[in-house]
């Protein structure tokens, strides 16, 4: 049984959206407790149930957050990716396939040895998660993908549960950076990646989240 880790609202300028699924594309688990368990599934892009309908405006260099329905209820990393919508494409219907995603931030494990509580996982049990859009991010329209990788059943391959959403934003006041490396979903993760596995014993002393390095601009 899955618990709910839905990210259904954006937080812009410190203010959460009034309603769910406004600038966030509605996900397939909007009425269920399911996550994505196959890293080869197209659901790894946005876990999308329907096209978008609104776009939030956020300045480069400012904080962008997501509200977690209830809370981030499983331990593991929370990561943020961004994909620039091509000029002329409709942000509401654009499908982010191919090598279009860069990692903008990662809230991962800290300390050693590692446990399964919030002292190791800073996002665990939080009702909101956020990151700062790199100042060098070029202006334009983007999909922003948030993912919580639940590791509590990840002792075996395929046991990680990935809860994710994509928000539609327009970045203003951007810079001239060239985000890299660009990766694809599916494709960026392999089921055998160490970051998708967890061992309660022997107690782990280090953890590296899956995916590319964070682009800092």
C-alpha atoms as a PDB file:
ATOM      1  CA  UNK A   1       0.000   0.000   0.000  1.00  0.00           C
ATOM      2  CA  UNK A   2       1.225   3.464  -0.933  1.00  0.00           C
ATOM      3  CA  UNK A   3       0.775   6.582   1.143  1.00  0.00           C
ATOM      4  CA  UNK A   4      -0.034   9.896  -0.465  1.00  0.00           C
ATOM      5  CA  UNK A   5       2.912  12.032  -1.532  1.00  0.00           C
ATOM      6  CA  UNK A   6       1.162  14.278  -4.060  1.00  0.00           C
ATOM      7  CA  UNK A   7       2.628  17.635  -5.015  1.00  0.00           C
ATOM      8  CA  UNK A   8      -0.449  19.498  -6.212  1.00  0.00           C
ATOM      9  CA  UNK A   9       0.178  23.200  -5.554  1.00  0.00           C
ATOM     10  CA  UNK A  10       2.966  25.658  -6.253  1.00  0.00           C
ATOM     11  CA  UNK A  11       4.289  28.207  -3.785  1.00  0.00           C
ATOM     12  CA  UNK A  12       5.361  31.441  -5.483  1.00  0.00           C
ATOM     13  CA  UNK A  13       6.556  34.446  -3.519  1.00  0.00           C
ATOM     14  CA  UNK A  14       5.855  32.525  -0.326  1.00  0.00           C
ATOM     15  CA  UNK A  15       2.155  32.126  -1.161  1.00  0.00           C
ATOM     16  CA  UNK A  16       0.631  28.724  -2.000  1.00  0.00           C
ATOM     17  CA  UNK A  17      -1.878  28.484  -4.819  1.00  0.00           C
ATOM     18  CA  UNK A  18      -5.473  28.515  -3.619  1.00  0.00           C
ATOM     19  CA  UNK A  19      -6.514  25.369  -5.481  1.00  0.00           C
ATOM     20  CA  UNK A  20      -4.866  22.103  -6.426  1.00  0.00           C
ATOM     21  CA  UNK A  21      -3.815  21.434 -10.013  1.00  0.00           C
ATOM     22  CA  UNK A  22      -3.660  25.088 -11.039  1.00  0.00           C
ATOM     23  CA  UNK A  23      -0.130  25.564 -12.388  1.00  0.00           C
ATOM     24  CA  UNK A  24       0.659  21.913 -11.583  1.00  0.00           C
ATOM     25  CA  UNK A  25      -0.428  19.343 -14.160  1.00  0.00           C
ATOM     26  CA  UNK A  26      -2.846  16.909 -12.560  1.00  0.00           C
ATOM     27  CA  UNK A  27      -1.164  13.560 -11.875  1.00  0.00           C
ATOM     28  CA  UNK A  28      -2.530  10.047 -12.198  1.00  0.00           C
ATOM     29  CA  UNK A  29      -2.579   9.650  -8.405  1.00  0.00           C
ATOM     30  CA  UNK A  30      -4.860  12.635  -7.834  1.00  0.00           C
ATOM     31  CA  UNK A  31      -7.429  10.278  -6.291  1.00  0.00           C
ATOM     32  CA  UNK A  32      -5.250   7.327  -5.368  1.00  0.00           C
ATOM     33  CA  UNK A  33      -2.184   6.453  -3.311  1.00  0.00           C
ATOM     34  CA  UNK A  34       0.006   5.247  -6.174  1.00  0.00           C
ATOM     35  CA  UNK A  35       3.512   6.239  -7.163  1.00  0.00           C
ATOM     36  CA  UNK A  36       5.728   5.297 -10.105  1.00  0.00           C
ATOM     37  CA  UNK A  37       7.811   2.159  -9.579  1.00  0.00           C
ATOM     38  CA  UNK A  38       9.132   1.531 -13.104  1.00  0.00           C
ATOM     39  CA  UNK A  39      11.905   3.942 -14.072  1.00  0.00           C
ATOM     40  CA  UNK A  40      11.403   2.915 -17.721  1.00  0.00           C
ATOM     41  CA  UNK A  41       7.790   4.139 -17.769  1.00  0.00           C
ATOM     42  CA  UNK A  42       6.828   7.360 -19.590  1.00  0.00           C
ATOM     43  CA  UNK A  43       5.100   8.255 -16.300  1.00  0.00           C
ATOM     44  CA  UNK A  44       8.587   9.216 -15.095  1.00  0.00           C
ATOM     45  CA  UNK A  45       8.190  12.480 -17.021  1.00  0.00           C
ATOM     46  CA  UNK A  46       5.175  14.024 -15.296  1.00  0.00           C
ATOM     47  CA  UNK A  47       2.929  11.131 -14.134  1.00  0.00           C
ATOM     48  CA  UNK A  48       0.342  13.164 -15.984  1.00  0.00           C
ATOM     49  CA  UNK A  49      -3.412  12.611 -15.993  1.00  0.00           C
ATOM     50  CA  UNK A  50      -4.422  15.655 -18.039  1.00  0.00           C
ATOM     51  CA  UNK A  51      -2.950  18.630 -19.874  1.00  0.00           C
ATOM     52  CA  UNK A  52      -2.079  21.826 -18.048  1.00  0.00           C
ATOM     53  CA  UNK A  53      -4.225  24.935 -17.899  1.00  0.00           C
ATOM     54  CA  UNK A  54      -2.255  27.672 -16.103  1.00  0.00           C
ATOM     55  CA  UNK A  55       1.284  29.013 -15.871  1.00  0.00           C
ATOM     56  CA  UNK A  56       2.880  30.662 -12.842  1.00  0.00           C
ATOM     57  CA  UNK A  57       5.442  33.460 -13.155  1.00  0.00           C
ATOM     58  CA  UNK A  58       8.625  33.275 -11.102  1.00  0.00           C
ATOM     59  CA  UNK A  59      11.852  35.285 -11.244  1.00  0.00           C
ATOM     60  CA  UNK A  60      15.213  33.627 -11.773  1.00  0.00           C
ATOM     61  CA  UNK A  61      17.123  33.551  -8.502  1.00  0.00           C
ATOM     62  CA  UNK A  62      13.964  33.310  -6.416  1.00  0.00           C
ATOM     63  CA  UNK A  63      12.479  30.453  -4.442  1.00  0.00           C
ATOM     64  CA  UNK A  64       9.869  28.130  -5.892  1.00  0.00           C
ATOM     65  CA  UNK A  65       8.048  25.637  -3.702  1.00  0.00           C
ATOM     66  CA  UNK A  66       5.551  22.796  -3.831  1.00  0.00           C
ATOM     67  CA  UNK A  67       2.902  21.837  -1.318  1.00  0.00           C
ATOM     68  CA  UNK A  68       2.893  18.134  -0.468  1.00  0.00           C
ATOM     69  CA  UNK A  69      -0.589  16.736   0.164  1.00  0.00           C
ATOM     70  CA  UNK A  70      -0.386  15.833   3.859  1.00  0.00           C
ATOM     71  CA  UNK A  71       3.420  15.654   3.866  1.00  0.00           C
ATOM     72  CA  UNK A  72       6.434  13.917   2.362  1.00  0.00           C
ATOM     73  CA  UNK A  73       5.446  10.732   4.123  1.00  0.00           C
ATOM     74  CA  UNK A  74       8.382   8.469   3.225  1.00  0.00           C
ATOM     75  CA  UNK A  75      12.115   8.984   3.725  1.00  0.00           C
ATOM     76  CA  UNK A  76      14.328   9.571   0.725  1.00  0.00           C
ATOM     77  CA  UNK A  77      15.618  12.416  -1.446  1.00  0.00           C
ATOM     78  CA  UNK A  78      13.512  15.138  -3.036  1.00  0.00           C
ATOM     79  CA  UNK A  79      14.835  16.460  -6.340  1.00  0.00           C
ATOM     80  CA  UNK A  80      13.889  19.201  -8.787  1.00  0.00           C
ATOM     81  CA  UNK A  81      14.339  19.200 -12.552  1.00  0.00           C
ATOM     82  CA  UNK A  82      13.530  21.803 -15.197  1.00  0.00           C
ATOM     83  CA  UNK A  83      12.871  21.507 -18.938  1.00  0.00           C
ATOM     84  CA  UNK A  84      12.635  24.537 -21.244  1.00  0.00           C
ATOM     85  CA  UNK A  85       9.569  24.609 -23.446  1.00  0.00           C
ATOM     86  CA  UNK A  86      10.611  25.185 -27.093  1.00  0.00           C
ATOM     87  CA  UNK A  87       9.700  28.501 -28.667  1.00  0.00           C
ATOM     88  CA  UNK A  88       6.302  28.261 -30.305  1.00  0.00           C
ATOM     89  CA  UNK A  89       5.229  25.175 -28.352  1.00  0.00           C
ATOM     90  CA  UNK A  90       2.107  25.207 -26.181  1.00  0.00           C
ATOM     91  CA  UNK A  91       3.199  24.802 -22.564  1.00  0.00           C
ATOM     92  CA  UNK A  92      -0.162  23.214 -21.708  1.00  0.00           C
ATOM     93  CA  UNK A  93       0.344  20.269 -24.037  1.00  0.00           C
ATOM     94  CA  UNK A  94       4.117  20.044 -24.605  1.00  0.00           C
ATOM     95  CA  UNK A  95       5.436  16.537 -23.970  1.00  0.00           C
ATOM     96  CA  UNK A  96       8.938  16.706 -22.381  1.00  0.00           C
ATOM     97  CA  UNK A  97      10.474  13.699 -24.135  1.00  0.00           C
ATOM     98  CA  UNK A  98      14.133  13.303 -24.998  1.00  0.00           C
ATOM     99  CA  UNK A  99      17.147  14.975 -23.405  1.00  0.00           C
ATOM    100  CA  UNK A 100      15.430  18.135 -22.161  1.00  0.00           C
ATOM    101  CA  UNK A 101      15.706  17.952 -18.343  1.00  0.00           C
ATOM    102  CA  UNK A 102      18.425  19.397 -16.105  1.00  0.00           C
ATOM    103  CA  UNK A 103      18.633  18.943 -12.360  1.00  0.00           C
ATOM    104  CA  UNK A 104      18.146  22.266 -10.599  1.00  0.00           C
ATOM    105  CA  UNK A 105      18.331  21.097  -6.976  1.00  0.00           C
ATOM    106  CA  UNK A 106      18.490  18.033  -4.741  1.00  0.00           C
ATOM    107  CA  UNK A 107      17.535  17.656  -1.080  1.00  0.00           C
ATOM    108  CA  UNK A 108      19.430  14.501  -0.199  1.00  0.00           C
ATOM    109  CA  UNK A 109      20.834  12.634   2.777  1.00  0.00           C
ATOM    110  CA  UNK A 110      23.151  14.230   5.304  1.00  0.00           C
ATOM    111  CA  UNK A 111      25.386  12.868   8.025  1.00  0.00           C
ATOM    112  CA  UNK A 112      26.873   9.423   8.601  1.00  0.00           C
ATOM    113  CA  UNK A 113      25.833   6.772   9.450  1.00  0.00           C
ATOM    114  CA  UNK A 114      22.495   7.221   7.711  1.00  0.00           C
ATOM    115  CA  UNK A 115      19.112   6.490   9.205  1.00  0.00           C
ATOM    116  CA  UNK A 116      15.519   6.570   8.044  1.00  0.00           C
ATOM    117  CA  UNK A 117      14.374   9.659   9.928  1.00  0.00           C
ATOM    118  CA  UNK A 118      14.261  13.416   9.301  1.00  0.00           C
ATOM    119  CA  UNK A 119      17.698  13.882  10.875  1.00  0.00           C
ATOM    120  CA  UNK A 120      19.094  12.135   7.761  1.00  0.00           C
ATOM    121  CA  UNK A 121      16.472  13.209   5.208  1.00  0.00           C
ATOM    122  CA  UNK A 122      15.706  16.959   5.501  1.00  0.00           C
ATOM    123  CA  UNK A 123      12.538  16.816   3.362  1.00  0.00           C
ATOM    124  CA  UNK A 124      10.993  13.895   5.246  1.00  0.00           C
ATOM    125  CA  UNK A 125       7.700  14.743   6.985  1.00  0.00           C
ATOM    126  CA  UNK A 126       7.713  18.269   5.577  1.00  0.00           C
ATOM    127  CA  UNK A 127       4.473  19.687   4.171  1.00  0.00           C
ATOM    128  CA  UNK A 128       6.330  21.897   1.695  1.00  0.00           C
ATOM    129  CA  UNK A 129       9.560  21.587  -0.278  1.00  0.00           C
ATOM    130  CA  UNK A 130      11.350  24.314  -2.205  1.00  0.00           C
ATOM    131  CA  UNK A 131      14.451  25.262  -4.154  1.00  0.00           C
ATOM    132  CA  UNK A 132      16.016  28.377  -5.652  1.00  0.00           C
ATOM    133  CA  UNK A 133      15.860  28.717  -9.417  1.00  0.00           C
ATOM    134  CA  UNK A 134      19.473  29.330 -10.506  1.00  0.00           C
ATOM    135  CA  UNK A 135      19.987  32.996 -11.376  1.00  0.00           C
ATOM    136  CA  UNK A 136      21.652  32.087 -14.670  1.00  0.00           C
ATOM    137  CA  UNK A 137      18.568  30.191 -15.896  1.00  0.00           C
ATOM    138  CA  UNK A 138      17.493  31.753 -19.223  1.00  0.00           C
ATOM    139  CA  UNK A 139      14.111  33.449 -19.296  1.00  0.00           C
ATOM    140  CA  UNK A 140      11.269  31.487 -20.849  1.00  0.00           C
ATOM    141  CA  UNK A 141       8.645  28.883 -20.146  1.00  0.00           C
ATOM    142  CA  UNK A 142       9.571  25.690 -18.301  1.00  0.00           C
ATOM    143  CA  UNK A 143       8.193  22.548 -16.817  1.00  0.00           C
ATOM    144  CA  UNK A 144       9.465  22.124 -13.265  1.00  0.00           C
ATOM    145  CA  UNK A 145       9.467  18.503 -12.110  1.00  0.00           C
ATOM    146  CA  UNK A 146       9.532  17.637  -8.402  1.00  0.00           C
ATOM    147  CA  UNK A 147      10.124  14.066  -7.263  1.00  0.00           C
ATOM    148  CA  UNK A 148      10.163  12.358  -3.897  1.00  0.00           C
ATOM    149  CA  UNK A 149      11.946   8.997  -4.019  1.00  0.00           C
ATOM    150  CA  UNK A 150      10.522   6.796  -1.249  1.00  0.00           C
ATOM    151  CA  UNK A 151      13.148   4.277  -0.132  1.00  0.00           C
ATOM    152  CA  UNK A 152      11.337   2.456   2.676  1.00  0.00           C
ATOM    153  CA  UNK A 153      10.722  -0.632   0.486  1.00  0.00           C
ATOM    154  CA  UNK A 154      13.778  -0.255  -1.737  1.00  0.00           C
ATOM    155  CA  UNK A 155      15.805  -3.150  -0.374  1.00  0.00           C
ATOM    156  CA  UNK A 156      15.195  -4.907  -3.711  1.00  0.00           C
ATOM    157  CA  UNK A 157      15.382  -3.667  -7.295  1.00  0.00           C
ATOM    158  CA  UNK A 158      12.122  -1.967  -8.248  1.00  0.00           C
ATOM    159  CA  UNK A 159      11.140  -1.277  -4.658  1.00  0.00           C
ATOM    160  CA  UNK A 160      11.631   2.488  -4.767  1.00  0.00           C
ATOM    161  CA  UNK A 161       8.403   4.464  -5.114  1.00  0.00           C
ATOM    162  CA  UNK A 162       8.662   7.756  -6.995  1.00  0.00           C
ATOM    163  CA  UNK A 163       6.075  10.462  -6.427  1.00  0.00           C
ATOM    164  CA  UNK A 164       6.324  13.319  -8.907  1.00  0.00           C
ATOM    165  CA  UNK A 165       4.531  16.259 -10.465  1.00  0.00           C
ATOM    166  CA  UNK A 166       5.258  18.840 -13.148  1.00  0.00           C
ATOM    167  CA  UNK A 167       4.454  22.523 -12.768  1.00  0.00           C
ATOM    168  CA  UNK A 168       4.205  25.056 -15.563  1.00  0.00           C
ATOM    169  CA  UNK A 169       6.161  28.251 -14.953  1.00  0.00           C
ATOM    170  CA  UNK A 170       7.492  31.236 -16.846  1.00  0.00           C
ATOM    171  CA  UNK A 171      10.928  32.328 -15.642  1.00  0.00           C
ATOM    172  CA  UNK A 172      11.543  36.067 -15.870  1.00  0.00           C
ATOM    173  CA  UNK A 173      14.698  38.118 -15.366  1.00  0.00           C
ATOM    174  CA  UNK A 174      16.866  35.191 -16.359  1.00  0.00           C
ATOM    175  CA  UNK A 175      20.511  34.963 -17.283  1.00  0.00           C
ATOM    176  CA  UNK A 176      22.636  33.557 -20.071  1.00  0.00           C
ATOM    177  CA  UNK A 177      23.435  30.180 -18.558  1.00  0.00           C
ATOM    178  CA  UNK A 178      23.434  26.932 -20.491  1.00  0.00           C
ATOM    179  CA  UNK A 179      21.888  24.291 -18.231  1.00  0.00           C
ATOM    180  CA  UNK A 180      23.618  20.917 -18.440  1.00  0.00           C
ATOM    181  CA  UNK A 181      23.771  18.001 -18.549  1.00  0.00           C
ATOM    182  CA  UNK A 182      20.399  17.382 -20.169  1.00  0.00           C
ATOM    183  CA  UNK A 183      18.779  14.013 -19.528  1.00  0.00           C
ATOM    184  CA  UNK A 184      15.606  12.180 -20.513  1.00  0.00           C
ATOM    185  CA  UNK A 185      12.779  10.619 -18.508  1.00  0.00           C
ATOM    186  CA  UNK A 186      12.627   7.710 -18.806  1.00  0.00           C
ATOM    187  CA  UNK A 187      16.346   7.180 -19.299  1.00  0.00           C
ATOM    188  CA  UNK A 188      18.037   9.192 -16.566  1.00  0.00           C
ATOM    189  CA  UNK A 189      17.616   6.421 -13.992  1.00  0.00           C
ATOM    190  CA  UNK A 190      18.356   2.713 -14.022  1.00  0.00           C
ATOM    191  CA  UNK A 191      16.555   0.368 -11.639  1.00  0.00           C
ATOM    192  CA  UNK A 192      19.950  -0.820 -10.389  1.00  0.00           C
ATOM    193  CA  UNK A 193      21.189   2.688  -9.535  1.00  0.00           C
ATOM    194  CA  UNK A 194      22.539   2.733  -5.963  1.00  0.00           C
ATOM    195  CA  UNK A 195      20.384   5.788  -5.261  1.00  0.00           C
ATOM    196  CA  UNK A 196      17.262   3.708  -5.863  1.00  0.00           C
ATOM    197  CA  UNK A 197      18.292   1.044  -3.361  1.00  0.00           C
ATOM    198  CA  UNK A 198      18.299   1.112   0.428  1.00  0.00           C
ATOM    199  CA  UNK A 199      19.670  -1.261   3.026  1.00  0.00           C
ATOM    200  CA  UNK A 200      18.603  -1.101   6.652  1.00  0.00           C
ATOM    201  CA  UNK A 201      21.474  -3.448   7.479  1.00  0.00           C
ATOM    202  CA  UNK A 202      24.355  -3.040   7.127  1.00  0.00           C
ATOM    203  CA  UNK A 203      23.623   0.556   8.056  1.00  0.00           C
ATOM    204  CA  UNK A 204      24.626   2.770   5.113  1.00  0.00           C
ATOM    205  CA  UNK A 205      27.268   5.435   5.611  1.00  0.00           C
ATOM    206  CA  UNK A 206      26.781   7.305   2.330  1.00  0.00           C
ATOM    207  CA  UNK A 207      24.107   7.947  -0.263  1.00  0.00           C
ATOM    208  CA  UNK A 208      24.193   9.446  -3.766  1.00  0.00           C
ATOM    209  CA  UNK A 209      20.844  10.397  -5.295  1.00  0.00           C
ATOM    210  CA  UNK A 210      20.180   9.108  -8.820  1.00  0.00           C
ATOM    211  CA  UNK A 211      20.482  11.285 -11.886  1.00  0.00           C
ATOM    212  CA  UNK A 212      22.971  13.890 -13.098  1.00  0.00           C
ATOM    213  CA  UNK A 213      24.802  16.498 -11.089  1.00  0.00           C
ATOM    214  CA  UNK A 214      22.908  19.628 -10.071  1.00  0.00           C
ATOM    215  CA  UNK A 215      23.362  22.530 -12.498  1.00  0.00           C
ATOM    216  CA  UNK A 216      24.154  25.612 -10.474  1.00  0.00           C
ATOM    217  CA  UNK A 217      24.655  28.077 -13.311  1.00  0.00           C
END
